[in-house]
Amino acid sequence: MRAEVRAFVVEQLADMNYDVEELDDDTTLGPAGVDLESLALADLSVRVEDRYGVTFADDESEQLALMTVGEFTTMVADRVTRAASGSAAASHSAATSGSAATSDSAAASGTAATSGTAATSDTA
């Protein structure tokens, strides 16, 4: 996952017209490295949020500017992994606790349950 996130970040930086030729994991995102200013850092954050579904708190922008490319990509990959395992746990929990009641409710009301959603049948 980390390699995928890193490739995406580098691609986005290039798309934002930053020089990525000599970029490595030790390059900082802020003034001492890539030189992302606050708006560019916000733009990169939004692109990462849109692609991977992770979010950054407003107060993280200063921390992000001080991170290296390696630290940033590791943080994003860790958040994506945690979110995925949290989603899997939530799905498993719903499947073992709530879906039987949903299916029973759907059967009792005359509707069919498909993939966790109830679909009503057309009445003549």
N, C-alpha and C. Protein backbone atom coordinates (compact mmCIF):
# COMPACT_ATOMS: atom_id res chain seq x y z
N MET A 1 0.83 -1.20 0.00
CA MET A 1 0.00 0.00 0.00
C MET A 1 0.87 1.26 0.00
N ARG A 2 1.97 1.22 0.76
CA ARG A 2 2.82 2.40 0.85
C ARG A 2 3.38 2.79 -0.51
N ALA A 3 3.83 1.80 -1.27
CA ALA A 3 4.40 2.09 -2.60
C ALA A 3 3.35 2.71 -3.51
N GLU A 4 2.12 2.23 -3.41
CA GLU A 4 1.02 2.79 -4.23
C GLU A 4 0.76 4.24 -3.84
N VAL A 5 0.69 4.50 -2.54
CA VAL A 5 0.45 5.86 -2.05
C VAL A 5 1.60 6.78 -2.47
N ARG A 6 2.83 6.30 -2.35
CA ARG A 6 3.99 7.12 -2.73
C ARG A 6 3.94 7.47 -4.21
N ALA A 7 3.63 6.49 -5.05
CA ALA A 7 3.53 6.74 -6.49
C ALA A 7 2.44 7.76 -6.78
N PHE A 8 1.31 7.66 -6.08
CA PHE A 8 0.22 8.61 -6.27
C PHE A 8 0.65 10.02 -5.85
N VAL A 9 1.31 10.14 -4.71
CA VAL A 9 1.76 11.45 -4.22
C VAL A 9 2.74 12.08 -5.21
N VAL A 10 3.69 11.31 -5.69
CA VAL A 10 4.67 11.83 -6.65
C VAL A 10 3.96 12.26 -7.93
N GLU A 11 3.02 11.44 -8.39
CA GLU A 11 2.24 11.78 -9.60
C GLU A 11 1.48 13.09 -9.41
N GLN A 12 0.88 13.26 -8.23
CA GLN A 12 0.12 14.48 -7.97
C GLN A 12 1.03 15.70 -7.88
N LEU A 13 2.18 15.54 -7.26
CA LEU A 13 3.14 16.65 -7.18
C LEU A 13 3.59 17.07 -8.57
N ALA A 14 3.84 16.10 -9.44
CA ALA A 14 4.22 16.41 -10.82
C ALA A 14 3.08 17.12 -11.53
N ASP A 15 1.85 16.66 -11.29
CA ASP A 15 0.67 17.29 -11.89
C ASP A 15 0.50 18.73 -11.41
N MET A 16 0.96 19.00 -10.19
CA MET A 16 0.88 20.34 -9.62
C MET A 16 2.10 21.18 -10.01
N ASN A 17 2.89 20.69 -10.97
CA ASN A 17 4.06 21.39 -11.51
C ASN A 17 5.23 21.52 -10.54
N TYR A 18 5.39 20.55 -9.65
CA TYR A 18 6.56 20.51 -8.78
C TYR A 18 7.58 19.57 -9.40
N ASP A 19 8.85 19.89 -9.22
CA ASP A 19 9.93 19.06 -9.74
C ASP A 19 10.06 17.82 -8.86
N VAL A 20 9.86 16.65 -9.45
CA VAL A 20 9.91 15.40 -8.70
C VAL A 20 11.11 14.54 -9.10
N GLU A 21 11.98 15.08 -9.96
CA GLU A 21 13.13 14.32 -10.46
C GLU A 21 14.04 13.82 -9.34
N GLU A 22 14.35 14.67 -8.39
CA GLU A 22 15.28 14.29 -7.32
C GLU A 22 14.56 14.04 -6.00
N LEU A 23 13.28 13.81 -6.07
CA LEU A 23 12.46 13.57 -4.89
C LEU A 23 12.78 12.20 -4.31
N ASP A 24 13.00 12.14 -3.00
CA ASP A 24 13.15 10.84 -2.34
C ASP A 24 12.38 10.87 -1.02
N ASP A 25 12.41 9.77 -0.28
CA ASP A 25 11.64 9.68 0.95
C ASP A 25 12.10 10.66 2.03
N ASP A 26 13.32 11.18 1.91
CA ASP A 26 13.84 12.12 2.90
C ASP A 26 13.56 13.58 2.55
N THR A 27 12.96 13.83 1.40
CA THR A 27 12.64 15.20 0.98
C THR A 27 11.44 15.70 1.78
N THR A 28 11.58 16.87 2.41
CA THR A 28 10.45 17.42 3.16
C THR A 28 9.43 18.01 2.20
N LEU A 29 8.18 18.03 2.65
CA LEU A 29 7.11 18.60 1.83
C LEU A 29 7.15 20.13 1.85
N GLY A 30 7.61 20.69 2.94
CA GLY A 30 7.59 22.14 3.13
C GLY A 30 8.75 22.86 2.47
N PRO A 31 9.06 24.07 2.95
CA PRO A 31 10.03 24.97 2.33
C PRO A 31 11.43 24.39 2.12
N ALA A 32 11.86 23.50 2.97
CA ALA A 32 13.22 22.97 2.85
C ALA A 32 13.35 21.88 1.79
N GLY A 33 12.22 21.46 1.22
CA GLY A 33 12.27 20.37 0.25
C GLY A 33 11.46 20.66 -0.99
N VAL A 34 10.28 20.05 -1.07
CA VAL A 34 9.40 20.23 -2.23
C VAL A 34 8.94 21.68 -2.32
N ASP A 35 8.86 22.35 -1.19
CA ASP A 35 8.46 23.75 -1.09
C ASP A 35 6.96 23.96 -1.31
N LEU A 36 6.16 23.04 -0.77
CA LEU A 36 4.71 23.22 -0.83
C LEU A 36 4.31 24.32 0.14
N GLU A 37 3.59 25.28 -0.36
CA GLU A 37 3.02 26.32 0.51
C GLU A 37 1.67 25.82 1.00
N SER A 38 1.03 26.56 1.87
CA SER A 38 -0.19 26.08 2.52
C SER A 38 -1.29 25.69 1.54
N LEU A 39 -1.51 26.48 0.48
CA LEU A 39 -2.56 26.14 -0.48
C LEU A 39 -2.21 24.89 -1.28
N ALA A 40 -0.95 24.75 -1.65
CA ALA A 40 -0.53 23.55 -2.38
C ALA A 40 -0.60 22.32 -1.49
N LEU A 41 -0.27 22.48 -0.23
CA LEU A 41 -0.37 21.38 0.72
C LEU A 41 -1.82 20.97 0.92
N ALA A 42 -2.71 21.96 0.98
CA ALA A 42 -4.14 21.67 1.08
C ALA A 42 -4.63 20.96 -0.18
N ASP A 43 -4.15 21.39 -1.34
CA ASP A 43 -4.52 20.75 -2.61
C ASP A 43 -4.08 19.28 -2.62
N LEU A 44 -2.84 19.03 -2.22
CA LEU A 44 -2.34 17.65 -2.17
C LEU A 44 -3.15 16.82 -1.18
N SER A 45 -3.46 17.40 -0.04
CA SER A 45 -4.25 16.70 0.97
C SER A 45 -5.62 16.31 0.43
N VAL A 46 -6.27 17.23 -0.27
CA VAL A 46 -7.59 16.96 -0.84
C VAL A 46 -7.50 15.85 -1.89
N ARG A 47 -6.47 15.89 -2.70
CA ARG A 47 -6.29 14.84 -3.72
C ARG A 47 -6.12 13.48 -3.06
N VAL A 48 -5.34 13.43 -1.98
CA VAL A 48 -5.14 12.17 -1.26
C VAL A 48 -6.44 11.74 -0.59
N GLU A 49 -7.15 12.69 0.01
CA GLU A 49 -8.44 12.38 0.64
C GLU A 49 -9.42 11.80 -0.38
N ASP A 50 -9.50 12.44 -1.56
CA ASP A 50 -10.41 11.98 -2.61
C ASP A 50 -10.04 10.59 -3.11
N ARG A 51 -8.76 10.33 -3.25
CA ARG A 51 -8.32 9.05 -3.81
C ARG A 51 -8.45 7.91 -2.80
N TYR A 52 -8.08 8.17 -1.55
CA TYR A 52 -7.99 7.09 -0.56
C TYR A 52 -9.05 7.14 0.54
N GLY A 53 -9.84 8.20 0.58
CA GLY A 53 -10.90 8.27 1.57
C GLY A 53 -10.43 8.54 2.99
N VAL A 54 -9.21 9.02 3.13
CA VAL A 54 -8.71 9.39 4.46
C VAL A 54 -8.93 10.89 4.64
N THR A 55 -8.94 11.34 5.87
CA THR A 55 -9.12 12.77 6.11
C THR A 55 -7.98 13.30 6.96
N PHE A 56 -7.74 14.59 6.80
CA PHE A 56 -6.74 15.30 7.59
C PHE A 56 -7.45 16.38 8.37
N ALA A 57 -7.13 16.50 9.63
CA ALA A 57 -7.71 17.55 10.46
C ALA A 57 -7.10 18.89 10.05
N ASP A 58 -7.86 19.96 10.27
CA ASP A 58 -7.37 21.30 9.92
C ASP A 58 -6.06 21.63 10.63
N ASP A 59 -5.91 21.16 11.85
CA ASP A 59 -4.70 21.49 12.60
C ASP A 59 -3.49 20.64 12.22
N GLU A 60 -3.64 19.75 11.25
CA GLU A 60 -2.51 18.92 10.81
C GLU A 60 -1.65 19.59 9.74
N SER A 61 -2.11 20.68 9.16
CA SER A 61 -1.39 21.28 8.03
C SER A 61 0.05 21.66 8.37
N GLU A 62 0.28 22.19 9.57
CA GLU A 62 1.65 22.53 9.96
C GLU A 62 2.51 21.29 10.08
N GLN A 63 1.95 20.23 10.65
CA GLN A 63 2.68 18.97 10.78
C GLN A 63 3.01 18.39 9.41
N LEU A 64 2.06 18.46 8.49
CA LEU A 64 2.28 17.92 7.15
C LEU A 64 3.42 18.63 6.45
N ALA A 65 3.51 19.94 6.62
CA ALA A 65 4.58 20.71 5.97
C ALA A 65 5.96 20.32 6.47
N LEU A 66 6.04 19.82 7.69
CA LEU A 66 7.32 19.43 8.27
C LEU A 66 7.68 17.97 7.97
N MET A 67 6.73 17.22 7.43
CA MET A 67 6.97 15.80 7.14
C MET A 67 7.81 15.62 5.89
N THR A 68 8.49 14.50 5.84
CA THR A 68 9.17 14.11 4.61
C THR A 68 8.16 13.37 3.73
N VAL A 69 8.51 13.19 2.48
CA VAL A 69 7.66 12.42 1.56
C VAL A 69 7.43 11.02 2.13
N GLY A 70 8.48 10.42 2.67
CA GLY A 70 8.37 9.09 3.25
C GLY A 70 7.43 9.05 4.44
N GLU A 71 7.54 10.03 5.33
CA GLU A 71 6.66 10.08 6.51
C GLU A 71 5.21 10.28 6.09
N PHE A 72 5.00 11.16 5.13
CA PHE A 72 3.64 11.44 4.65
C PHE A 72 3.02 10.20 4.02
N THR A 73 3.75 9.53 3.15
CA THR A 73 3.19 8.36 2.47
C THR A 73 2.95 7.22 3.46
N THR A 74 3.83 7.07 4.44
CA THR A 74 3.62 6.04 5.47
C THR A 74 2.38 6.35 6.29
N MET A 75 2.20 7.61 6.68
CA MET A 75 1.03 8.00 7.45
C MET A 75 -0.26 7.73 6.67
N VAL A 76 -0.28 8.11 5.39
CA VAL A 76 -1.47 7.89 4.57
C VAL A 76 -1.74 6.40 4.42
N ALA A 77 -0.71 5.62 4.12
CA ALA A 77 -0.87 4.17 3.96
C ALA A 77 -1.39 3.54 5.25
N ASP A 78 -0.88 3.98 6.40
CA ASP A 78 -1.36 3.46 7.69
C ASP A 78 -2.83 3.80 7.91
N ARG A 79 -3.23 5.02 7.57
CA ARG A 79 -4.63 5.41 7.73
C ARG A 79 -5.55 4.62 6.81
N VAL A 80 -5.10 4.39 5.59
CA VAL A 80 -5.89 3.61 4.63
C VAL A 80 -6.05 2.18 5.14
N THR A 81 -4.96 1.61 5.63
CA THR A 81 -4.99 0.24 6.16
C THR A 81 -5.91 0.14 7.37
N ARG A 82 -5.81 1.11 8.28
CA ARG A 82 -6.69 1.12 9.46
C ARG A 82 -8.14 1.28 9.06
N ALA A 83 -8.41 2.16 8.11
CA ALA A 83 -9.79 2.37 7.66
C ALA A 83 -10.34 1.11 7.02
N ALA A 84 -9.50 0.43 6.23
CA ALA A 84 -9.94 -0.80 5.57
C ALA A 84 -10.21 -1.89 6.60
N SER A 85 -9.35 -2.03 7.60
CA SER A 85 -9.58 -3.06 8.61
C SER A 85 -10.74 -2.67 9.51
N GLY A 86 -10.96 -1.38 9.72
CA GLY A 86 -12.13 -0.94 10.48
C GLY A 86 -13.41 -1.21 9.72
N SER A 87 -13.39 -1.01 8.40
CA SER A 87 -14.56 -1.30 7.57
C SER A 87 -14.85 -2.78 7.53
N ALA A 88 -13.80 -3.59 7.45
CA ALA A 88 -13.98 -5.04 7.43
C ALA A 88 -14.56 -5.51 8.76
N ALA A 89 -14.08 -4.94 9.87
CA ALA A 89 -14.61 -5.32 11.17
C ALA A 89 -16.05 -4.88 11.32
N ALA A 90 -16.38 -3.68 10.84
CA ALA A 90 -17.75 -3.19 10.91
C ALA A 90 -18.68 -4.04 10.05
N SER A 91 -18.21 -4.42 8.86
CA SER A 91 -19.01 -5.27 7.98
C SER A 91 -19.24 -6.62 8.61
N HIS A 92 -18.20 -7.18 9.23
CA HIS A 92 -18.33 -8.48 9.88
C HIS A 92 -19.30 -8.37 11.05
N SER A 93 -19.19 -7.30 11.82
CA SER A 93 -20.09 -7.09 12.95
C SER A 93 -21.53 -6.96 12.49
N ALA A 94 -21.77 -6.21 11.44
CA ALA A 94 -23.12 -6.05 10.91
C ALA A 94 -23.64 -7.37 10.37
N ALA A 95 -22.77 -8.13 9.74
CA ALA A 95 -23.19 -9.41 9.16
C ALA A 95 -23.56 -10.41 10.25
N THR A 96 -22.87 -10.36 11.39
CA THR A 96 -23.15 -11.33 12.43
C THR A 96 -24.22 -10.88 13.40
N SER A 97 -24.50 -9.58 13.48
CA SER A 97 -25.48 -9.13 14.46
C SER A 97 -26.75 -8.56 13.87
N GLY A 98 -26.65 -7.74 12.85
CA GLY A 98 -27.83 -7.03 12.38
C GLY A 98 -28.49 -7.58 11.14
N SER A 99 -27.78 -8.35 10.34
CA SER A 99 -28.36 -8.73 9.07
C SER A 99 -29.47 -9.75 9.21
N ALA A 100 -29.41 -10.62 10.22
CA ALA A 100 -30.48 -11.60 10.39
C ALA A 100 -31.79 -10.89 10.70
N ALA A 101 -31.73 -9.88 11.55
CA ALA A 101 -32.94 -9.13 11.87
C ALA A 101 -33.45 -8.40 10.64
N THR A 102 -32.54 -7.85 9.84
CA THR A 102 -32.95 -7.16 8.63
C THR A 102 -33.61 -8.13 7.66
N SER A 103 -33.03 -9.32 7.50
CA SER A 103 -33.61 -10.30 6.60
C SER A 103 -34.96 -10.76 7.10
N ASP A 104 -35.08 -10.97 8.43
CA ASP A 104 -36.36 -11.38 8.99
C ASP A 104 -37.40 -10.30 8.79
N SER A 105 -37.01 -9.04 8.99
CA SER A 105 -37.94 -7.93 8.79
C SER A 105 -38.37 -7.85 7.35
N ALA A 106 -37.43 -8.03 6.42
CA ALA A 106 -37.76 -7.97 5.00
C ALA A 106 -38.70 -9.10 4.63
N ALA A 107 -38.45 -10.30 5.16
CA ALA A 107 -39.31 -11.43 4.84
C ALA A 107 -40.71 -11.22 5.39
N ALA A 108 -40.81 -10.67 6.60
CA ALA A 108 -42.11 -10.45 7.22
C ALA A 108 -42.91 -9.38 6.49
N SER A 109 -42.23 -8.41 5.89
CA SER A 109 -42.95 -7.34 5.23
C SER A 109 -43.18 -7.60 3.75
N GLY A 110 -42.69 -8.73 3.26
CA GLY A 110 -42.92 -9.06 1.86
C GLY A 110 -41.95 -8.43 0.90
N THR A 111 -40.78 -8.00 1.39
CA THR A 111 -39.76 -7.43 0.52
C THR A 111 -38.58 -8.38 0.45
N ALA A 112 -37.77 -8.24 -0.56
CA ALA A 112 -36.59 -9.09 -0.72
C ALA A 112 -35.36 -8.30 -0.32
N ALA A 113 -34.47 -8.92 0.42
CA ALA A 113 -33.22 -8.27 0.82
C ALA A 113 -32.11 -8.72 -0.11
N THR A 114 -31.39 -7.74 -0.67
CA THR A 114 -30.28 -8.04 -1.56
C THR A 114 -29.09 -7.20 -1.16
N SER A 115 -27.98 -7.84 -0.84
CA SER A 115 -26.73 -7.15 -0.48
C SER A 115 -26.95 -6.13 0.62
N GLY A 116 -27.75 -6.48 1.60
CA GLY A 116 -27.94 -5.59 2.73
C GLY A 116 -28.93 -4.47 2.47
N THR A 117 -29.57 -4.43 1.30
CA THR A 117 -30.57 -3.41 1.03
C THR A 117 -31.89 -4.10 0.75
N ALA A 118 -32.96 -3.48 1.11
CA ALA A 118 -34.27 -4.06 0.86
C ALA A 118 -34.82 -3.51 -0.45
N ALA A 119 -35.30 -4.40 -1.29
CA ALA A 119 -35.89 -3.99 -2.56
C ALA A 119 -37.34 -4.42 -2.56
N THR A 120 -38.24 -3.47 -2.74
CA THR A 120 -39.66 -3.83 -2.74
C THR A 120 -40.05 -4.34 -4.11
N SER A 121 -40.96 -5.28 -4.12
CA SER A 121 -41.41 -5.82 -5.40
C SER A 121 -42.56 -4.98 -5.93
N ASP A 122 -42.71 -4.95 -7.25
CA ASP A 122 -43.80 -4.21 -7.86
C ASP A 122 -45.11 -4.89 -7.53
N THR A 123 -46.13 -4.09 -7.25
CA THR A 123 -47.45 -4.67 -7.00
C THR A 123 -48.34 -4.37 -8.18
N ALA A 124 -49.18 -5.36 -8.51
CA ALA A 124 -50.05 -5.19 -9.68
C ALA A 124 -51.32 -4.51 -9.31
